[in-house]
Amino acid sequence: MNRKLNMKSIYRSVLPAMAAVFAIASVTAIASVTAIAQPTAIKEDAAQLKSDKAALQRQLKRLDADEARLKSDTASGRMSAESKDAYEVYRAQQAVKAEKQAIAADKTASLQMKSDKAALERQIKRLEAAEARLKADTEEGKMAAMSKDSETVYKDRRVVQGEKKDISADQARLQADTKR
């Protein structure tokens, strides 16, 4: 019985000491893992920031090239610089012009002239409808009122804005990691 009391007293005195040793060991282990994790997070954030800055530079170059292409295509009159709606207006104008030439070539008061005048009225209505659609689409900001080149420039600008947001988020994350 004496021996049992000795073992109980030993357990009672050693058990809290062992618990304290394990607690200190776990805190030390967590602190060392945290200390190791912080430089890794900082390095990862710095690498992401560098990558986003490089992507921004690539997108800015692409935007410059697309803007130059839009400017040259517009100056040369290429159709890639024209929107679908603007092209429809152009085609309707050409049709009206052709009908007027056909009427000028017809004999006065002939059936052909009568037919050509009716076709001219249809082409004028088509032109007015196309012009109204172009105006409405332009006011509403619809993509049908934009040329392919303009659309490319618009999308490039959106990508550049996204890259700038990514960079600012990366910088904030990096600052937060360095403060820890």
N, C-alpha and C. Protein backbone atom coordinates (compact mmCIF):
# COMPACT_ATOMS: atom_id res chain seq x y z
N MET A 1 0.81 -1.17 0.00
CA MET A 1 0.00 0.00 0.00
C MET A 1 0.86 1.25 0.00
N ASN A 2 1.90 1.21 0.66
CA ASN A 2 2.83 2.30 0.69
C ASN A 2 3.37 2.59 -0.71
N ARG A 3 3.60 1.50 -1.38
CA ARG A 3 4.12 1.62 -2.73
C ARG A 3 3.09 2.26 -3.64
N LYS A 4 1.80 1.92 -3.50
CA LYS A 4 0.75 2.52 -4.30
C LYS A 4 0.66 4.02 -4.04
N LEU A 5 0.78 4.41 -2.82
CA LEU A 5 0.75 5.82 -2.49
C LEU A 5 1.94 6.54 -3.12
N ASN A 6 3.05 5.91 -3.13
CA ASN A 6 4.22 6.50 -3.75
C ASN A 6 4.01 6.70 -5.24
N MET A 7 3.46 5.70 -5.91
CA MET A 7 3.23 5.79 -7.35
C MET A 7 2.19 6.86 -7.66
N LYS A 8 1.13 6.93 -6.83
CA LYS A 8 0.11 7.95 -7.03
C LYS A 8 0.70 9.33 -6.84
N SER A 9 1.48 9.48 -5.84
CA SER A 9 2.08 10.79 -5.59
C SER A 9 3.06 11.15 -6.70
N ILE A 10 3.76 10.15 -7.21
CA ILE A 10 4.69 10.41 -8.31
C ILE A 10 3.91 10.81 -9.56
N TYR A 11 2.84 10.09 -9.87
CA TYR A 11 2.02 10.43 -11.04
C TYR A 11 1.42 11.83 -10.90
N ARG A 12 0.97 12.14 -9.69
CA ARG A 12 0.37 13.46 -9.47
C ARG A 12 1.39 14.58 -9.66
N SER A 13 2.58 14.36 -9.25
CA SER A 13 3.59 15.40 -9.37
C SER A 13 4.21 15.44 -10.77
N VAL A 14 4.33 14.29 -11.43
CA VAL A 14 4.98 14.23 -12.74
C VAL A 14 4.00 14.59 -13.88
N LEU A 15 2.76 14.21 -13.72
CA LEU A 15 1.78 14.43 -14.80
C LEU A 15 1.65 15.91 -15.19
N PRO A 16 1.47 16.84 -14.27
CA PRO A 16 1.41 18.25 -14.68
C PRO A 16 2.71 18.73 -15.32
N ALA A 17 3.82 18.23 -14.84
CA ALA A 17 5.11 18.63 -15.41
C ALA A 17 5.22 18.12 -16.84
N MET A 18 4.77 16.89 -17.08
CA MET A 18 4.81 16.32 -18.44
C MET A 18 3.88 17.10 -19.37
N ALA A 19 2.70 17.45 -18.88
CA ALA A 19 1.76 18.23 -19.67
C ALA A 19 2.36 19.58 -20.05
N ALA A 20 3.05 20.20 -19.12
CA ALA A 20 3.70 21.48 -19.39
C ALA A 20 4.79 21.33 -20.43
N VAL A 21 5.57 20.24 -20.35
CA VAL A 21 6.63 19.98 -21.33
C VAL A 21 6.02 19.80 -22.72
N PHE A 22 4.94 19.03 -22.81
CA PHE A 22 4.29 18.82 -24.11
C PHE A 22 3.70 20.12 -24.65
N ALA A 23 3.13 20.95 -23.80
CA ALA A 23 2.56 22.23 -24.23
C ALA A 23 3.65 23.14 -24.76
N ILE A 24 4.78 23.20 -24.07
CA ILE A 24 5.89 24.04 -24.53
C ILE A 24 6.44 23.52 -25.85
N ALA A 25 6.53 22.21 -25.97
CA ALA A 25 7.04 21.62 -27.22
C ALA A 25 6.10 21.92 -28.39
N SER A 26 4.78 21.83 -28.17
CA SER A 26 3.84 22.10 -29.26
C SER A 26 3.86 23.58 -29.65
N VAL A 27 3.96 24.48 -28.68
CA VAL A 27 4.03 25.92 -28.99
C VAL A 27 5.30 26.22 -29.77
N THR A 28 6.40 25.62 -29.40
CA THR A 28 7.66 25.83 -30.10
C THR A 28 7.56 25.30 -31.53
N ALA A 29 6.94 24.16 -31.70
CA ALA A 29 6.79 23.58 -33.04
C ALA A 29 5.90 24.46 -33.91
N ILE A 30 4.80 24.96 -33.37
CA ILE A 30 3.90 25.83 -34.13
C ILE A 30 4.60 27.12 -34.49
N ALA A 31 5.34 27.68 -33.56
CA ALA A 31 6.06 28.93 -33.82
C ALA A 31 7.10 28.74 -34.92
N SER A 32 7.78 27.60 -34.92
CA SER A 32 8.79 27.38 -35.95
C SER A 32 8.14 27.16 -37.31
N VAL A 33 7.00 26.48 -37.35
CA VAL A 33 6.27 26.30 -38.61
C VAL A 33 5.78 27.63 -39.13
N THR A 34 5.27 28.48 -38.24
CA THR A 34 4.80 29.81 -38.64
C THR A 34 5.96 30.65 -39.15
N ALA A 35 7.09 30.56 -38.48
CA ALA A 35 8.26 31.32 -38.91
C ALA A 35 8.72 30.86 -40.28
N ILE A 36 8.61 29.58 -40.56
CA ILE A 36 9.00 29.06 -41.87
C ILE A 36 7.98 29.44 -42.93
N ALA A 37 6.70 29.45 -42.55
CA ALA A 37 5.63 29.72 -43.51
C ALA A 37 5.62 31.18 -43.97
N GLN A 38 5.97 32.12 -43.10
CA GLN A 38 5.90 33.52 -43.48
C GLN A 38 6.86 33.88 -44.62
N PRO A 39 8.12 33.50 -44.57
CA PRO A 39 8.99 33.83 -45.70
C PRO A 39 8.52 33.17 -47.00
N THR A 40 7.95 31.97 -46.89
CA THR A 40 7.45 31.30 -48.09
C THR A 40 6.28 32.08 -48.67
N ALA A 41 5.37 32.55 -47.82
CA ALA A 41 4.23 33.33 -48.30
C ALA A 41 4.70 34.64 -48.92
N ILE A 42 5.69 35.26 -48.32
CA ILE A 42 6.22 36.51 -48.87
C ILE A 42 6.85 36.27 -50.23
N LYS A 43 7.60 35.19 -50.34
CA LYS A 43 8.23 34.87 -51.62
C LYS A 43 7.19 34.57 -52.69
N GLU A 44 6.15 33.82 -52.31
CA GLU A 44 5.10 33.50 -53.28
C GLU A 44 4.37 34.76 -53.73
N ASP A 45 4.05 35.64 -52.79
CA ASP A 45 3.37 36.88 -53.14
C ASP A 45 4.24 37.78 -54.01
N ALA A 46 5.53 37.82 -53.70
CA ALA A 46 6.46 38.63 -54.51
C ALA A 46 6.57 38.06 -55.92
N ALA A 47 6.61 36.74 -56.03
CA ALA A 47 6.68 36.11 -57.35
C ALA A 47 5.41 36.38 -58.14
N GLN A 48 4.25 36.31 -57.47
CA GLN A 48 2.98 36.59 -58.15
C GLN A 48 2.91 38.04 -58.61
N LEU A 49 3.39 38.94 -57.77
CA LEU A 49 3.42 40.36 -58.13
C LEU A 49 4.30 40.58 -59.36
N LYS A 50 5.45 39.96 -59.38
CA LYS A 50 6.37 40.09 -60.52
C LYS A 50 5.73 39.53 -61.79
N SER A 51 5.05 38.40 -61.66
CA SER A 51 4.37 37.78 -62.81
C SER A 51 3.25 38.68 -63.33
N ASP A 52 2.48 39.28 -62.43
CA ASP A 52 1.39 40.16 -62.85
C ASP A 52 1.91 41.43 -63.51
N LYS A 53 3.04 41.94 -63.02
CA LYS A 53 3.63 43.12 -63.66
C LYS A 53 4.11 42.80 -65.08
N ALA A 54 4.68 41.62 -65.25
CA ALA A 54 5.12 41.21 -66.59
C ALA A 54 3.91 41.03 -67.52
N ALA A 55 2.84 40.46 -66.99
CA ALA A 55 1.63 40.28 -67.79
C ALA A 55 1.04 41.64 -68.18
N LEU A 56 1.09 42.59 -67.27
CA LEU A 56 0.60 43.94 -67.57
C LEU A 56 1.41 44.55 -68.71
N GLN A 57 2.72 44.40 -68.67
CA GLN A 57 3.56 44.95 -69.74
C GLN A 57 3.22 44.30 -71.10
N ARG A 58 3.00 42.99 -71.08
CA ARG A 58 2.62 42.31 -72.34
C ARG A 58 1.29 42.83 -72.86
N GLN A 59 0.33 43.01 -71.95
CA GLN A 59 -0.98 43.49 -72.37
C GLN A 59 -0.92 44.93 -72.87
N LEU A 60 -0.08 45.75 -72.26
CA LEU A 60 0.06 47.13 -72.73
C LEU A 60 0.65 47.17 -74.14
N LYS A 61 1.62 46.31 -74.41
CA LYS A 61 2.19 46.23 -75.76
C LYS A 61 1.13 45.78 -76.76
N ARG A 62 0.34 44.80 -76.36
CA ARG A 62 -0.72 44.28 -77.24
C ARG A 62 -1.76 45.37 -77.50
N LEU A 63 -2.11 46.13 -76.45
CA LEU A 63 -3.06 47.22 -76.60
C LEU A 63 -2.53 48.27 -77.56
N ASP A 64 -1.27 48.64 -77.41
CA ASP A 64 -0.67 49.62 -78.32
C ASP A 64 -0.72 49.14 -79.76
N ALA A 65 -0.38 47.87 -79.99
CA ALA A 65 -0.40 47.32 -81.35
C ALA A 65 -1.82 47.31 -81.92
N ASP A 66 -2.81 46.94 -81.10
CA ASP A 66 -4.19 46.91 -81.57
C ASP A 66 -4.72 48.31 -81.85
N GLU A 67 -4.34 49.28 -81.02
CA GLU A 67 -4.76 50.66 -81.29
C GLU A 67 -4.14 51.19 -82.58
N ALA A 68 -2.89 50.84 -82.82
CA ALA A 68 -2.23 51.26 -84.06
C ALA A 68 -2.90 50.61 -85.27
N ARG A 69 -3.27 49.33 -85.13
CA ARG A 69 -3.95 48.64 -86.23
C ARG A 69 -5.31 49.27 -86.51
N LEU A 70 -6.03 49.61 -85.46
CA LEU A 70 -7.33 50.27 -85.62
C LEU A 70 -7.16 51.60 -86.35
N LYS A 71 -6.17 52.36 -85.94
CA LYS A 71 -5.94 53.67 -86.56
C LYS A 71 -5.58 53.52 -88.04
N SER A 72 -4.70 52.57 -88.36
CA SER A 72 -4.31 52.41 -89.77
C SER A 72 -5.44 51.82 -90.61
N ASP A 73 -6.21 50.89 -90.03
CA ASP A 73 -7.34 50.32 -90.78
C ASP A 73 -8.42 51.36 -91.04
N THR A 74 -8.64 52.23 -90.07
CA THR A 74 -9.63 53.29 -90.24
C THR A 74 -9.16 54.26 -91.33
N ALA A 75 -7.88 54.60 -91.29
CA ALA A 75 -7.35 55.55 -92.28
C ALA A 75 -7.38 54.96 -93.70
N SER A 76 -7.14 53.66 -93.80
CA SER A 76 -7.12 53.05 -95.14
C SER A 76 -8.49 52.61 -95.61
N GLY A 77 -9.49 52.65 -94.73
CA GLY A 77 -10.85 52.29 -95.13
C GLY A 77 -11.12 50.79 -95.14
N ARG A 78 -10.31 50.03 -94.43
CA ARG A 78 -10.53 48.58 -94.38
C ARG A 78 -11.83 48.27 -93.65
N MET A 79 -12.45 47.17 -94.04
CA MET A 79 -13.72 46.80 -93.45
C MET A 79 -13.57 46.31 -92.02
N SER A 80 -12.40 45.88 -91.61
CA SER A 80 -12.22 45.46 -90.22
C SER A 80 -12.32 46.64 -89.28
N ALA A 81 -12.25 47.85 -89.84
CA ALA A 81 -12.40 49.05 -89.03
C ALA A 81 -13.85 49.53 -89.02
N GLU A 82 -14.74 48.79 -89.67
CA GLU A 82 -16.15 49.14 -89.73
C GLU A 82 -16.99 48.15 -88.93
N SER A 83 -18.01 48.65 -88.26
CA SER A 83 -18.91 47.77 -87.52
C SER A 83 -19.90 47.11 -88.47
N LYS A 84 -20.60 46.11 -87.97
CA LYS A 84 -21.62 45.44 -88.78
C LYS A 84 -22.71 46.43 -89.18
N ASP A 85 -23.12 47.25 -88.23
CA ASP A 85 -24.18 48.23 -88.52
C ASP A 85 -23.70 49.28 -89.53
N ALA A 86 -22.46 49.74 -89.37
CA ALA A 86 -21.92 50.75 -90.29
C ALA A 86 -21.78 50.15 -91.70
N TYR A 87 -21.41 48.88 -91.75
CA TYR A 87 -21.29 48.21 -93.05
C TYR A 87 -22.66 48.08 -93.71
N GLU A 88 -23.68 47.80 -92.92
CA GLU A 88 -25.04 47.70 -93.46
C GLU A 88 -25.49 49.05 -94.01
N VAL A 89 -25.17 50.13 -93.32
CA VAL A 89 -25.49 51.48 -93.82
C VAL A 89 -24.76 51.73 -95.14
N TYR A 90 -23.49 51.36 -95.19
CA TYR A 90 -22.70 51.53 -96.41
C TYR A 90 -23.33 50.78 -97.58
N ARG A 91 -23.72 49.54 -97.36
CA ARG A 91 -24.33 48.74 -98.43
C ARG A 91 -25.66 49.33 -98.88
N ALA A 92 -26.45 49.85 -97.93
CA ALA A 92 -27.73 50.47 -98.29
C ALA A 92 -27.50 51.74 -99.10
N GLN A 93 -26.47 52.50 -98.74
CA GLN A 93 -26.15 53.71 -99.51
C GLN A 93 -25.75 53.35 -100.94
N GLN A 94 -24.97 52.31 -101.08
CA GLN A 94 -24.55 51.86 -102.42
C GLN A 94 -25.75 51.40 -103.24
N ALA A 95 -26.69 50.73 -102.59
CA ALA A 95 -27.88 50.26 -103.29
C ALA A 95 -28.73 51.43 -103.77
N VAL A 96 -28.88 52.46 -102.92
CA VAL A 96 -29.63 53.66 -103.31
C VAL A 96 -28.95 54.34 -104.50
N LYS A 97 -27.66 54.43 -104.44
CA LYS A 97 -26.88 55.05 -105.53
C LYS A 97 -27.08 54.28 -106.83
N ALA A 98 -27.05 52.95 -106.75
CA ALA A 98 -27.23 52.12 -107.95
C ALA A 98 -28.64 52.27 -108.53
N GLU A 99 -29.64 52.36 -107.66
CA GLU A 99 -31.02 52.53 -108.14
C GLU A 99 -31.19 53.89 -108.82
N LYS A 100 -30.56 54.92 -108.28
CA LYS A 100 -30.64 56.24 -108.91
C LYS A 100 -30.00 56.23 -110.30
N GLN A 101 -28.89 55.52 -110.42
CA GLN A 101 -28.24 55.41 -111.73
C GLN A 101 -29.12 54.62 -112.70
N ALA A 102 -29.79 53.60 -112.21
CA ALA A 102 -30.67 52.80 -113.06
C ALA A 102 -31.86 53.64 -113.53
N ILE A 103 -32.40 54.47 -112.66
CA ILE A 103 -33.52 55.34 -113.04
C ILE A 103 -33.06 56.35 -114.08
N ALA A 104 -31.86 56.87 -113.93
CA ALA A 104 -31.33 57.85 -114.89
C ALA A 104 -31.15 57.22 -116.27
N ALA A 105 -30.87 55.94 -116.32
CA ALA A 105 -30.66 55.26 -117.60
C ALA A 105 -31.97 54.81 -118.25
N ASP A 106 -33.07 54.80 -117.49
CA ASP A 106 -34.35 54.32 -118.02
C ASP A 106 -35.01 55.38 -118.90
N LYS A 107 -35.87 54.87 -119.80
CA LYS A 107 -36.67 55.78 -120.62
C LYS A 107 -37.79 56.37 -119.77
N THR A 108 -38.15 57.61 -120.09
CA THR A 108 -39.18 58.30 -119.35
C THR A 108 -40.51 57.56 -119.47
N ALA A 109 -41.22 57.41 -118.33
CA ALA A 109 -42.55 56.81 -118.24
C ALA A 109 -42.59 55.35 -118.68
N SER A 110 -41.47 54.66 -118.61
CA SER A 110 -41.46 53.24 -118.96
C SER A 110 -41.78 52.40 -117.72
N LEU A 111 -42.15 51.13 -117.95
CA LEU A 111 -42.42 50.22 -116.85
C LEU A 111 -41.15 49.97 -116.03
N GLN A 112 -40.03 49.95 -116.70
CA GLN A 112 -38.75 49.74 -116.00
C GLN A 112 -38.48 50.88 -115.03
N MET A 113 -38.76 52.11 -115.46
CA MET A 113 -38.55 53.27 -114.59
C MET A 113 -39.47 53.18 -113.38
N LYS A 114 -40.71 52.77 -113.61
CA LYS A 114 -41.67 52.62 -112.52
C LYS A 114 -41.17 51.58 -111.51
N SER A 115 -40.67 50.47 -112.02
CA SER A 115 -40.14 49.40 -111.17
C SER A 115 -38.90 49.88 -110.41
N ASP A 116 -38.03 50.62 -111.09
CA ASP A 116 -36.82 51.12 -110.44
C ASP A 116 -37.13 52.15 -109.35
N LYS A 117 -38.18 52.98 -109.57
CA LYS A 117 -38.58 53.95 -108.56
C LYS A 117 -39.12 53.25 -107.31
N ALA A 118 -39.86 52.18 -107.51
CA ALA A 118 -40.37 51.40 -106.37
C ALA A 118 -39.19 50.76 -105.61
N ALA A 119 -38.21 50.25 -106.37
CA ALA A 119 -37.01 49.66 -105.75
C ALA A 119 -36.21 50.73 -105.00
N LEU A 120 -36.15 51.94 -105.55
CA LEU A 120 -35.45 53.05 -104.89
C LEU A 120 -36.11 53.37 -103.56
N GLU A 121 -37.44 53.41 -103.54
CA GLU A 121 -38.14 53.68 -102.28
C GLU A 121 -37.84 52.60 -101.23
N ARG A 122 -37.80 51.34 -101.65
CA ARG A 122 -37.47 50.24 -100.74
C ARG A 122 -36.04 50.40 -100.20
N GLN A 123 -35.12 50.77 -101.10
CA GLN A 123 -33.72 50.93 -100.68
C GLN A 123 -33.55 52.11 -99.73
N ILE A 124 -34.32 53.17 -99.95
CA ILE A 124 -34.26 54.34 -99.05
C ILE A 124 -34.78 53.96 -97.67
N LYS A 125 -35.87 53.19 -97.61
CA LYS A 125 -36.40 52.73 -96.32
C LYS A 125 -35.38 51.82 -95.61
N ARG A 126 -34.73 50.97 -96.40
CA ARG A 126 -33.70 50.09 -95.84
C ARG A 126 -32.54 50.91 -95.27
N LEU A 127 -32.15 51.95 -96.02
CA LEU A 127 -31.06 52.83 -95.55
C LEU A 127 -31.46 53.54 -94.27
N GLU A 128 -32.67 54.08 -94.20
CA GLU A 128 -33.13 54.78 -93.00
C GLU A 128 -33.17 53.84 -91.80
N ALA A 129 -33.63 52.60 -92.03
CA ALA A 129 -33.68 51.62 -90.94
C ALA A 129 -32.27 51.26 -90.46
N ALA A 130 -31.35 51.11 -91.39
CA ALA A 130 -29.97 50.78 -91.02
C ALA A 130 -29.32 51.92 -90.25
N GLU A 131 -29.57 53.15 -90.69
CA GLU A 131 -29.02 54.30 -89.98
C GLU A 131 -29.61 54.42 -88.58
N ALA A 132 -30.91 54.17 -88.44
CA ALA A 132 -31.55 54.23 -87.13
C ALA A 132 -30.99 53.14 -86.21
N ARG A 133 -30.80 51.94 -86.75
CA ARG A 133 -30.24 50.83 -85.95
C ARG A 133 -28.81 51.16 -85.51
N LEU A 134 -28.01 51.73 -86.41
CA LEU A 134 -26.64 52.11 -86.06
C LEU A 134 -26.64 53.15 -84.94
N LYS A 135 -27.51 54.15 -85.07
CA LYS A 135 -27.58 55.21 -84.05
C LYS A 135 -28.02 54.63 -82.70
N ALA A 136 -29.04 53.78 -82.72
CA ALA A 136 -29.55 53.19 -81.46
C ALA A 136 -28.51 52.28 -80.82
N ASP A 137 -27.86 51.45 -81.63
CA ASP A 137 -26.85 50.54 -81.09
C ASP A 137 -25.66 51.30 -80.53
N THR A 138 -25.30 52.38 -81.19
CA THR A 138 -24.17 53.19 -80.72
C THR A 138 -24.52 53.84 -79.39
N GLU A 139 -25.73 54.39 -79.28
CA GLU A 139 -26.16 55.03 -78.04
C GLU A 139 -26.25 54.04 -76.89
N GLU A 140 -26.68 52.81 -77.19
CA GLU A 140 -26.83 51.79 -76.15
C GLU A 140 -25.51 51.09 -75.83
N GLY A 141 -24.50 51.34 -76.65
CA GLY A 141 -23.20 50.73 -76.41
C GLY A 141 -23.14 49.26 -76.82
N LYS A 142 -23.99 48.87 -77.74
CA LYS A 142 -23.99 47.47 -78.19
C LYS A 142 -22.76 47.18 -79.04
N MET A 143 -22.31 45.94 -78.96
CA MET A 143 -21.11 45.54 -79.70
C MET A 143 -21.35 45.52 -81.22
N ALA A 144 -22.60 45.45 -81.66
CA ALA A 144 -22.89 45.47 -83.10
C ALA A 144 -22.52 46.81 -83.71
N ALA A 145 -22.42 47.83 -82.86
CA ALA A 145 -22.05 49.16 -83.34
C ALA A 145 -20.54 49.38 -83.30
N MET A 146 -19.80 48.34 -82.95
CA MET A 146 -18.33 48.44 -82.87
C MET A 146 -17.70 47.58 -83.95
N SER A 147 -16.61 48.05 -84.48
CA SER A 147 -15.87 47.26 -85.47
C SER A 147 -15.07 46.17 -84.75
N LYS A 148 -14.56 45.24 -85.53
CA LYS A 148 -13.75 44.17 -84.94
C LYS A 148 -12.51 44.76 -84.27
N ASP A 149 -11.89 45.72 -84.93
CA ASP A 149 -10.70 46.35 -84.36
C ASP A 149 -11.04 47.11 -83.07
N SER A 150 -12.16 47.82 -83.07
CA SER A 150 -12.57 48.56 -81.87
C SER A 150 -12.89 47.60 -80.73
N GLU A 151 -13.51 46.49 -81.07
CA GLU A 151 -13.85 45.49 -80.06
C GLU A 151 -12.58 44.90 -79.44
N THR A 152 -11.58 44.64 -80.29
CA THR A 152 -10.30 44.11 -79.79
C THR A 152 -9.65 45.10 -78.85
N VAL A 153 -9.64 46.37 -79.22
CA VAL A 153 -9.05 47.40 -78.36
C VAL A 153 -9.83 47.49 -77.05
N TYR A 154 -11.15 47.43 -77.12
CA TYR A 154 -11.99 47.47 -75.92
C TYR A 154 -11.66 46.31 -74.98
N LYS A 155 -11.56 45.12 -75.53
CA LYS A 155 -11.24 43.94 -74.71
C LYS A 155 -9.84 44.04 -74.12
N ASP A 156 -8.89 44.55 -74.90
CA ASP A 156 -7.53 44.72 -74.39
C ASP A 156 -7.51 45.70 -73.21
N ARG A 157 -8.28 46.76 -73.32
CA ARG A 157 -8.34 47.74 -72.23
C ARG A 157 -8.92 47.10 -70.97
N ARG A 158 -9.93 46.24 -71.15
CA ARG A 158 -10.51 45.54 -69.99
C ARG A 158 -9.48 44.61 -69.33
N VAL A 159 -8.67 43.94 -70.15
CA VAL A 159 -7.64 43.04 -69.61
C VAL A 159 -6.60 43.84 -68.84
N VAL A 160 -6.22 44.99 -69.38
CA VAL A 160 -5.24 45.85 -68.69
C VAL A 160 -5.80 46.30 -67.34
N GLN A 161 -7.07 46.67 -67.30
CA GLN A 161 -7.69 47.05 -66.03
C GLN A 161 -7.65 45.90 -65.04
N GLY A 162 -7.93 44.70 -65.51
CA GLY A 162 -7.88 43.52 -64.64
C GLY A 162 -6.48 43.26 -64.11
N GLU A 163 -5.49 43.42 -64.97
CA GLU A 163 -4.10 43.23 -64.53
C GLU A 163 -3.72 44.26 -63.47
N LYS A 164 -4.17 45.49 -63.64
CA LYS A 164 -3.87 46.53 -62.65
C LYS A 164 -4.52 46.21 -61.31
N LYS A 165 -5.74 45.67 -61.34
CA LYS A 165 -6.40 45.26 -60.10
C LYS A 165 -5.64 44.12 -59.44
N ASP A 166 -5.17 43.17 -60.25
CA ASP A 166 -4.39 42.05 -59.71
C ASP A 166 -3.12 42.53 -59.04
N ILE A 167 -2.45 43.49 -59.67
CA ILE A 167 -1.21 44.02 -59.11
C ILE A 167 -1.48 44.71 -57.78
N SER A 168 -2.54 45.52 -57.71
CA SER A 168 -2.83 46.20 -56.45
C SER A 168 -3.20 45.20 -55.35
N ALA A 169 -3.92 44.13 -55.71
CA ALA A 169 -4.24 43.10 -54.72
C ALA A 169 -2.98 42.37 -54.26
N ASP A 170 -2.08 42.09 -55.20
CA ASP A 170 -0.82 41.43 -54.84
C ASP A 170 0.02 42.31 -53.93
N GLN A 171 0.06 43.60 -54.21
CA GLN A 171 0.83 44.52 -53.36
C GLN A 171 0.24 44.57 -51.96
N ALA A 172 -1.07 44.59 -51.84
CA ALA A 172 -1.71 44.61 -50.52
C ALA A 172 -1.42 43.31 -49.76
N ARG A 173 -1.47 42.19 -50.47
CA ARG A 173 -1.19 40.89 -49.84
C ARG A 173 0.26 40.83 -49.37
N LEU A 174 1.16 41.36 -50.19
CA LEU A 174 2.58 41.35 -49.83
C LEU A 174 2.84 42.24 -48.61
N GLN A 175 2.20 43.39 -48.56
CA GLN A 175 2.36 44.27 -47.40
C GLN A 175 1.81 43.61 -46.14
N ALA A 176 0.69 42.90 -46.28
CA ALA A 176 0.09 42.22 -45.12
C ALA A 176 1.02 41.11 -44.63
N ASP A 177 1.65 40.41 -45.56
CA ASP A 177 2.57 39.33 -45.16
C ASP A 177 3.84 39.86 -44.50
N THR A 178 4.33 40.99 -44.94
CA THR A 178 5.55 41.55 -44.36
C THR A 178 5.30 42.15 -42.98
N LYS A 179 4.05 42.55 -42.69
CA LYS A 179 3.73 43.11 -41.38
C LYS A 179 3.65 42.04 -40.30
N ARG A 180 3.43 40.79 -40.68
CA ARG A 180 3.30 39.71 -39.70
C ARG A 180 4.57 39.43 -38.99
